[in-house]
PDB file of N, CA and C in Angstrom:
ATOM      1  N   MET A   1      93.658  45.047-141.652  1.00  0.00           N
ATOM      2  CA  MET A   1      94.229  45.805-142.959  1.00  0.00           C
ATOM      3  C   MET A   1      95.847  45.576-142.760  1.00  0.00           C
ATOM      4  N   THR A   2      96.335  45.909-143.881  1.00  0.00           N
ATOM      5  CA  THR A   2      97.879  45.660-144.137  1.00  0.00           C
ATOM      6  C   THR A   2      98.468  46.687-143.683  1.00  0.00           C
ATOM      7  N   HIS A   3      99.640  46.616-143.381  1.00  0.00           N
ATOM      8  CA  HIS A   3     100.733  47.737-143.054  1.00  0.00           C
ATOM      9  C   HIS A   3     100.501  48.474-144.469  1.00  0.00           C
ATOM     10  N   ASP A   4     100.757  48.136-145.622  1.00  0.00           N
ATOM     11  CA  ASP A   4     100.524  48.834-146.957  1.00  0.00           C
ATOM     12  C   ASP A   4      99.341  49.402-146.786  1.00  0.00           C
ATOM     13  N   THR A   5      98.241  48.901-146.832  1.00  0.00           N
ATOM     14  CA  THR A   5      97.216  49.543-147.074  1.00  0.00           C
ATOM     15  C   THR A   5      97.152  50.836-145.963  1.00  0.00           C
ATOM     16  N   PHE A   6      97.424  50.753-144.599  1.00  0.00           N
ATOM     17  CA  PHE A   6      97.332  51.577-143.434  1.00  0.00           C
ATOM     18  C   PHE A   6      98.301  52.798-143.763  1.00  0.00           C
ATOM     19  N   LEU A   7      99.190  52.839-144.719  1.00  0.00           N
ATOM     20  CA  LEU A   7     100.119  53.821-145.202  1.00  0.00           C
ATOM     21  C   LEU A   7      99.617  54.664-146.328  1.00  0.00           C
ATOM     22  N   ILE A   8      98.937  53.789-147.187  1.00  0.00           N
ATOM     23  CA  ILE A   8      98.434  54.753-148.174  1.00  0.00           C
ATOM     24  C   ILE A   8      97.296  55.028-147.620  1.00  0.00           C
ATOM     25  N   GLU A   9      96.293  54.654-147.108  1.00  0.00           N
ATOM     26  CA  GLU A   9      95.145  55.621-146.484  1.00  0.00           C
ATOM     27  C   GLU A   9      95.644  56.650-145.519  1.00  0.00           C
ATOM     28  N   MET A  10      96.751  56.648-144.693  1.00  0.00           N
ATOM     29  CA  MET A  10      97.242  57.766-143.923  1.00  0.00           C
ATOM     30  C   MET A  10      97.752  58.703-144.951  1.00  0.00           C
ATOM     31  N   GLY A  11      98.525  58.539-145.733  1.00  0.00           N
ATOM     32  CA  GLY A  11      99.079  59.387-146.700  1.00  0.00           C
ATOM     33  C   GLY A  11      97.991  60.289-147.430  1.00  0.00           C
ATOM     34  N   GLN A  12      96.943  59.441-147.780  1.00  0.00           N
ATOM     35  CA  GLN A  12      95.864  60.059-148.288  1.00  0.00           C
ATOM     36  C   GLN A  12      95.368  61.059-147.523  1.00  0.00           C
ATOM     37  N   LYS A  13      95.062  61.015-146.161  1.00  0.00           N
ATOM     38  CA  LYS A  13      94.679  61.642-145.480  1.00  0.00           C
ATOM     39  C   LYS A  13      95.539  62.939-145.469  1.00  0.00           C
ATOM     40  N   ILE A  14      96.633  62.601-145.207  1.00  0.00           N
ATOM     41  CA  ILE A  14      97.694  63.956-145.327  1.00  0.00           C
ATOM     42  C   ILE A  14      97.570  64.986-146.499  1.00  0.00           C
ATOM     43  N   ARG A  15      97.467  64.222-147.466  1.00  0.00           N
ATOM     44  CA  ARG A  15      97.428  65.083-148.755  1.00  0.00           C
ATOM     45  C   ARG A  15      95.841  65.638-148.980  1.00  0.00           C
ATOM     46  N   ILE A  16      95.233  65.094-148.501  1.00  0.00           N
ATOM     47  CA  ILE A  16      93.612  65.736-148.880  1.00  0.00           C
ATOM     48  C   ILE A  16      93.696  67.013-147.715  1.00  0.00           C
ATOM     49  N   ALA A  17      94.279  66.865-146.466  1.00  0.00           N
ATOM     50  CA  ALA A  17      94.207  67.839-145.663  1.00  0.00           C
ATOM     51  C   ALA A  17      95.148  69.007-146.220  1.00  0.00           C
ATOM     52  N   ARG A  18      96.508  68.699-146.590  1.00  0.00           N
ATOM     53  CA  ARG A  18      97.333  69.508-146.928  1.00  0.00           C
ATOM     54  C   ARG A  18      96.539  70.292-148.297  1.00  0.00           C
ATOM     55  N   ARG A  19      96.012  69.894-149.153  1.00  0.00           N
ATOM     56  CA  ARG A  19      95.189  70.488-150.288  1.00  0.00           C
ATOM     57  C   ARG A  19      94.197  70.908-150.163  1.00  0.00           C
ATOM     58  N   ALA A  20      93.143  70.838-148.869  1.00  0.00           N
ATOM     59  CA  ALA A  20      92.555  71.679-148.194  1.00  0.00           C
ATOM     60  C   ALA A  20      92.629  73.047-148.151  1.00  0.00           C
ATOM     61  N   LYS A  21      93.934  73.014-147.584  1.00  0.00           N
ATOM     62  CA  LYS A  21      94.586  74.341-146.878  1.00  0.00           C
ATOM     63  C   LYS A  21      95.478  74.866-147.702  1.00  0.00           C
ATOM     64  N   LYS A  22      95.315  74.557-149.143  1.00  0.00           N
ATOM     65  CA  LYS A  22      95.845  74.971-150.299  1.00  0.00           C
ATOM     66  C   LYS A  22      97.518  75.214-150.183  1.00  0.00           C
ATOM     67  N   ILE A  23      98.099  74.359-149.370  1.00  0.00           N
ATOM     68  CA  ILE A  23      99.466  74.344-148.869  1.00  0.00           C
ATOM     69  C   ILE A  23     100.158  73.529-149.880  1.00  0.00           C
ATOM     70  N   PRO A  24     100.904  74.236-150.688  1.00  0.00           N
ATOM     71  CA  PRO A  24     101.409  73.634-151.879  1.00  0.00           C
ATOM     72  C   PRO A  24     102.708  72.565-150.856  1.00  0.00           C
ATOM     73  N   ILE A  25     103.282  71.540-151.487  1.00  0.00           N
ATOM     74  CA  ILE A  25     104.062  70.585-150.803  1.00  0.00           C
ATOM     75  C   ILE A  25     105.460  70.903-150.664  1.00  0.00           C
ATOM     76  N   GLY A  26     105.752  72.007-151.463  1.00  0.00           N
ATOM     77  CA  GLY A  26     107.128  72.682-150.999  1.00  0.00           C
ATOM     78  C   GLY A  26     107.216  73.353-149.676  1.00  0.00           C
ATOM     79  N   LYS A  27     105.790  74.086-149.337  1.00  0.00           N
ATOM     80  CA  LYS A  27     105.788  75.041-148.451  1.00  0.00           C
ATOM     81  C   LYS A  27     105.186  73.918-147.213  1.00  0.00           C
ATOM     82  N   MET A  28     104.632  73.008-147.311  1.00  0.00           N
ATOM     83  CA  MET A  28     104.395  72.119-146.391  1.00  0.00           C
ATOM     84  C   MET A  28     105.513  71.274-146.080  1.00  0.00           C
ATOM     85  N   ALA A  29     106.457  71.218-146.755  1.00  0.00           N
ATOM     86  CA  ALA A  29     107.780  70.302-146.243  1.00  0.00           C
ATOM     87  C   ALA A  29     108.857  71.277-145.499  1.00  0.00           C
ATOM     88  N   GLU A  30     108.546  72.691-145.874  1.00  0.00           N
ATOM     89  CA  GLU A  30     109.409  73.813-145.379  1.00  0.00           C
ATOM     90  C   GLU A  30     108.763  74.125-143.921  1.00  0.00           C
ATOM     91  N   LEU A  31     107.495  74.012-143.968  1.00  0.00           N
ATOM     92  CA  LEU A  31     107.001  74.508-142.684  1.00  0.00           C
ATOM     93  C   LEU A  31     107.263  73.329-141.787  1.00  0.00           C
ATOM     94  N   SER A  32     106.982  71.938-141.892  1.00  0.00           N
ATOM     95  CA  SER A  32     107.028  70.627-141.198  1.00  0.00           C
ATOM     96  C   SER A  32     108.626  70.595-140.940  1.00  0.00           C
ATOM     97  N   LYS A  33     109.253  71.080-141.523  1.00  0.00           N
ATOM     98  CA  LYS A  33     110.824  70.534-141.553  1.00  0.00           C
ATOM     99  C   LYS A  33     110.998  69.028-141.809  1.00  0.00           C
ATOM    100  N   ILE A  34     110.234  68.733-142.955  1.00  0.00           N
ATOM    101  CA  ILE A  34     110.355  67.212-143.455  1.00  0.00           C
ATOM    102  C   ILE A  34     111.016  67.484-145.250  1.00  0.00           C
ATOM    103  N   ASP A  35     111.870  67.017-145.360  1.00  0.00           N
ATOM    104  CA  ASP A  35     112.552  66.760-146.737  1.00  0.00           C
ATOM    105  C   ASP A  35     111.223  66.819-147.680  1.00  0.00           C
ATOM    106  N   MET A  36     111.025  67.708-148.852  1.00  0.00           N
ATOM    107  CA  MET A  36     109.572  67.372-149.720  1.00  0.00           C
ATOM    108  C   MET A  36     110.041  65.948-150.165  1.00  0.00           C
ATOM    109  N   SER A  37     111.170  65.430-150.813  1.00  0.00           N
ATOM    110  CA  SER A  37     110.697  63.904-151.512  1.00  0.00           C
ATOM    111  C   SER A  37     110.055  62.982-150.270  1.00  0.00           C
ATOM    112  N   ASN A  38     110.633  63.231-149.086  1.00  0.00           N
ATOM    113  CA  ASN A  38     110.088  62.343-147.741  1.00  0.00           C
ATOM    114  C   ASN A  38     108.504  62.631-147.729  1.00  0.00           C
ATOM    115  N   LEU A  39     108.456  63.964-147.755  1.00  0.00           N
ATOM    116  CA  LEU A  39     106.644  64.038-147.562  1.00  0.00           C
ATOM    117  C   LEU A  39     105.887  63.776-148.915  1.00  0.00           C
ATOM    118  N   SER A  40     106.689  63.660-149.830  1.00  0.00           N
ATOM    119  CA  SER A  40     105.778  63.045-150.942  1.00  0.00           C
ATOM    120  C   SER A  40     105.599  61.378-151.024  1.00  0.00           C
ATOM    121  N   PHE A  41     106.687  60.900-150.321  1.00  0.00           N
ATOM    122  CA  PHE A  41     106.535  59.315-150.301  1.00  0.00           C
ATOM    123  C   PHE A  41     105.360  58.906-149.113  1.00  0.00           C
ATOM    124  N   LEU A  42     105.384  59.934-148.077  1.00  0.00           N
ATOM    125  CA  LEU A  42     104.337  59.450-147.032  1.00  0.00           C
ATOM    126  C   LEU A  42     103.182  59.760-147.674  1.00  0.00           C
ATOM    127  N   GLU A  43     103.008  61.200-148.226  1.00  0.00           N
ATOM    128  CA  GLU A  43     101.584  61.273-148.887  1.00  0.00           C
ATOM    129  C   GLU A  43     101.081  59.794-149.901  1.00  0.00           C
ATOM    130  N   ARG A  44     102.092  59.417-150.316  1.00  0.00           N
ATOM    131  CA  ARG A  44     101.836  58.266-151.540  1.00  0.00           C
ATOM    132  C   ARG A  44     101.708  56.924-150.784  1.00  0.00           C
ATOM    133  N   GLY A  45     102.117  56.989-149.346  1.00  0.00           N
ATOM    134  CA  GLY A  45     102.029  55.946-148.723  1.00  0.00           C
ATOM    135  C   GLY A  45     103.212  54.817-148.918  1.00  0.00           C
ATOM    136  N   MET A  46     104.367  55.339-149.254  1.00  0.00           N
ATOM    137  CA  MET A  46     105.441  54.662-149.616  1.00  0.00           C
ATOM    138  C   MET A  46     106.351  54.651-148.736  1.00  0.00           C
ATOM    139  N   ARG A  47     106.452  55.123-147.493  1.00  0.00           N
ATOM    140  CA  ARG A  47     107.394  55.219-146.537  1.00  0.00           C
ATOM    141  C   ARG A  47     106.378  55.624-145.219  1.00  0.00           C
ATOM    142  N   ASN A  48     107.094  54.568-144.287  1.00  0.00           N
ATOM    143  CA  ASN A  48     106.671  54.993-142.964  1.00  0.00           C
ATOM    144  C   ASN A  48     107.130  56.298-142.436  1.00  0.00           C
ATOM    145  N   CYS A  49     106.496  56.761-141.460  1.00  0.00           N
ATOM    146  CA  CYS A  49     106.936  58.046-140.694  1.00  0.00           C
ATOM    147  C   CYS A  49     107.154  57.983-138.974  1.00  0.00           C
ATOM    148  N   HIS A  50     107.819  58.855-138.268  1.00  0.00           N
ATOM    149  CA  HIS A  50     108.032  58.610-137.235  1.00  0.00           C
ATOM    150  C   HIS A  50     106.743  59.722-136.530  1.00  0.00           C
ATOM    151  N   VAL A  51     106.266  59.380-135.539  1.00  0.00           N
ATOM    152  CA  VAL A  51     105.440  59.863-134.588  1.00  0.00           C
ATOM    153  C   VAL A  51     105.546  61.568-134.621  1.00  0.00           C
ATOM    154  N   LEU A  52     107.075  61.947-134.632  1.00  0.00           N
ATOM    155  CA  LEU A  52     107.332  63.244-134.221  1.00  0.00           C
ATOM    156  C   LEU A  52     107.191  63.836-135.520  1.00  0.00           C
ATOM    157  N   SER A  53     107.141  63.372-136.994  1.00  0.00           N
ATOM    158  CA  SER A  53     107.133  63.890-138.275  1.00  0.00           C
ATOM    159  C   SER A  53     105.624  64.096-138.481  1.00  0.00           C
ATOM    160  N   LEU A  54     104.688  62.998-138.122  1.00  0.00           N
ATOM    161  CA  LEU A  54     103.062  63.673-138.128  1.00  0.00           C
ATOM    162  C   LEU A  54     102.852  64.156-137.566  1.00  0.00           C
ATOM    163  N   LYS A  55     103.609  64.534-135.978  1.00  0.00           N
ATOM    164  CA  LYS A  55     102.910  65.676-135.094  1.00  0.00           C
ATOM    165  C   LYS A  55     103.346  66.959-135.834  1.00  0.00           C
ATOM    166  N   SER A  56     104.447  67.206-136.670  1.00  0.00           N
ATOM    167  CA  SER A  56     104.901  68.241-137.240  1.00  0.00           C
ATOM    168  C   SER A  56     103.773  68.615-138.215  1.00  0.00           C
ATOM    169  N   ILE A  57     103.468  67.729-138.886  1.00  0.00           N
ATOM    170  CA  ILE A  57     102.450  67.745-140.425  1.00  0.00           C
ATOM    171  C   ILE A  57     100.996  68.200-139.762  1.00  0.00           C
ATOM    172  N   ALA A  58     100.803  67.316-138.681  1.00  0.00           N
ATOM    173  CA  ALA A  58      99.276  67.912-137.944  1.00  0.00           C
ATOM    174  C   ALA A  58      99.289  69.324-137.478  1.00  0.00           C
ATOM    175  N   ASP A  59     100.679  70.082-137.142  1.00  0.00           N
ATOM    176  CA  ASP A  59     100.834  71.056-136.309  1.00  0.00           C
ATOM    177  C   ASP A  59     100.566  72.409-137.379  1.00  0.00           C
ATOM    178  N   VAL A  60     101.302  71.779-138.273  1.00  0.00           N
ATOM    179  CA  VAL A  60     101.204  72.749-139.575  1.00  0.00           C
ATOM    180  C   VAL A  60      99.525  72.780-140.099  1.00  0.00           C
ATOM    181  N   LEU A  61      99.242  71.906-140.484  1.00  0.00           N
ATOM    182  CA  LEU A  61      97.616  71.600-140.733  1.00  0.00           C
ATOM    183  C   LEU A  61      96.582  72.197-139.498  1.00  0.00           C
ATOM    184  N   GLU A  62      97.064  72.184-138.725  1.00  0.00           N
ATOM    185  CA  GLU A  62      95.783  72.835-137.087  1.00  0.00           C
ATOM    186  C   GLU A  62      95.337  71.331-137.387  1.00  0.00           C
ATOM    187  N   MET A  63      95.911  70.408-137.017  1.00  0.00           N
ATOM    188  CA  MET A  63      94.853  69.308-137.178  1.00  0.00           C
ATOM    189  C   MET A  63      95.573  68.286-135.774  1.00  0.00           C
ATOM    190  N   ASP A  64      94.406  67.463-135.580  1.00  0.00           N
ATOM    191  CA  ASP A  64      95.164  66.484-134.531  1.00  0.00           C
ATOM    192  C   ASP A  64      95.510  65.169-134.976  1.00  0.00           C
ATOM    193  N   VAL A  65      96.742  64.723-134.834  1.00  0.00           N
ATOM    194  CA  VAL A  65      97.562  63.219-135.268  1.00  0.00           C
ATOM    195  C   VAL A  65      96.472  62.679-135.373  1.00  0.00           C
ATOM    196  N   LYS A  66      95.506  62.376-134.320  1.00  0.00           N
ATOM    197  CA  LYS A  66      94.461  60.936-134.744  1.00  0.00           C
ATOM    198  C   LYS A  66      93.919  61.274-136.160  1.00  0.00           C
ATOM    199  N   GLU A  67      93.784  62.523-136.466  1.00  0.00           N
ATOM    200  CA  GLU A  67      92.638  62.608-137.493  1.00  0.00           C
ATOM    201  C   GLU A  67      93.501  61.973-138.813  1.00  0.00           C
ATOM    202  N   PHE A  68      94.808  61.512-138.647  1.00  0.00           N
ATOM    203  CA  PHE A  68      95.481  61.168-139.635  1.00  0.00           C
ATOM    204  C   PHE A  68      95.520  59.360-139.490  1.00  0.00           C
ATOM    205  N   LEU A  69      94.817  58.408-138.288  1.00  0.00           N
ATOM    206  CA  LEU A  69      95.091  57.133-138.286  1.00  0.00           C
ATOM    207  C   LEU A  69      94.005  56.660-138.349  1.00  0.00           C
TER     208      LEU A  69
END
């Protein structure tokens, strides 16, 4: 798996989980303390993220970080 493919798949998992919890991207950004544009880039697999950002996202979604990998 290439790095690009990995980022796209991870972003899709984040987006699916966020939508399943019915959390708008703006609210998700606020709760996770991640800029909305950065979160959007992450969900589209266009940007790598720090592990602590991924943990913040997982915490808001009440999930384990491993579920995104």
